[in-house]
């Protein structure tokens, strides 16, 4: 199994009740694609940090729902 397959399996095995609400949208993807032309490494860092922030917000939202 290659690295991309492992990454996809990791994502698939992660239970996310509201995962679609915290996905990147087309505008985000296009902005990162444009940035990749200028600095591909910065785009990768930005995508990772953006995903981390989205995950953090999803976790906070889930915690608020459970607290109610």
Protein backbone atom coordinates (compact mmCIF):
# COMPACT_ATOMS: atom_id res chain seq x y z
CA UNK A 1 0.00 0.00 0.00
CA UNK A 2 1.48 3.35 -1.00
CA UNK A 3 1.41 6.54 1.03
CA UNK A 4 -1.63 8.03 -0.71
CA UNK A 5 -3.63 4.86 -0.14
CA UNK A 6 -2.67 4.97 3.54
CA UNK A 7 -3.74 8.60 3.79
CA UNK A 8 -7.08 7.84 2.14
CA UNK A 9 -7.67 4.86 4.46
CA UNK A 10 -6.86 7.05 7.47
CA UNK A 11 -9.43 9.62 6.34
CA UNK A 12 -12.04 6.93 5.62
CA UNK A 13 -11.55 5.33 9.05
CA UNK A 14 -11.93 8.66 10.85
CA UNK A 15 -15.54 9.06 11.91
CA UNK A 16 -16.80 12.54 11.21
CA UNK A 17 -20.47 13.23 11.76
CA UNK A 18 -20.40 16.66 10.12
CA UNK A 19 -17.36 16.19 7.91
CA UNK A 20 -18.90 17.75 4.81
CA UNK A 21 -19.45 21.05 6.61
CA UNK A 22 -15.71 21.38 7.16
CA UNK A 23 -14.36 20.42 3.74
CA UNK A 24 -12.53 22.70 1.39
CA UNK A 25 -14.74 24.27 -1.23
CA UNK A 26 -13.93 25.07 -4.85
CA UNK A 27 -12.91 28.65 -4.06
CA UNK A 28 -10.38 27.38 -1.49
CA UNK A 29 -8.98 24.83 -3.93
CA UNK A 30 -8.60 27.36 -6.75
CA UNK A 31 -6.89 29.86 -4.44
CA UNK A 32 -4.41 27.20 -3.34
CA UNK A 33 -3.81 26.08 -6.94
CA UNK A 34 -2.97 29.65 -7.92
CA UNK A 35 -0.65 29.94 -4.91
CA UNK A 36 1.02 26.64 -5.87
CA UNK A 37 2.26 28.22 -9.10
CA UNK A 38 4.21 30.77 -7.04
CA UNK A 39 5.37 28.64 -4.13
CA UNK A 40 4.37 24.95 -4.01
CA UNK A 41 5.85 24.37 -0.54
CA UNK A 42 3.97 27.30 0.93
CA UNK A 43 0.76 25.96 -0.64
CA UNK A 44 1.30 22.56 1.00
CA UNK A 45 1.94 24.20 4.38
CA UNK A 46 -1.12 26.41 3.97
CA UNK A 47 -3.32 23.45 2.98
CA UNK A 48 -2.14 21.49 6.02
CA UNK A 49 -2.70 24.39 8.41
CA UNK A 50 -6.11 25.09 6.86
CA UNK A 51 -7.14 21.45 7.29
CA UNK A 52 -5.90 21.51 10.88
CA UNK A 53 -7.95 24.66 11.60
CA UNK A 54 -11.03 23.13 9.93
CA UNK A 55 -10.60 20.00 12.06
CA UNK A 56 -10.22 22.06 15.21
CA UNK A 57 -13.42 23.95 14.48
CA UNK A 58 -15.25 20.71 13.70
CA UNK A 59 -14.10 19.25 17.02
CA UNK A 60 -15.21 22.36 18.92
CA UNK A 61 -18.60 22.23 17.21
CA UNK A 62 -18.98 18.54 18.09
CA UNK A 63 -18.00 19.23 21.71
CA UNK A 64 -20.61 22.00 21.97
CA UNK A 65 -23.30 19.63 20.65
CA UNK A 66 -22.36 16.98 23.22
CA UNK A 67 -22.37 19.55 26.06
CA UNK A 68 -25.99 20.51 25.36
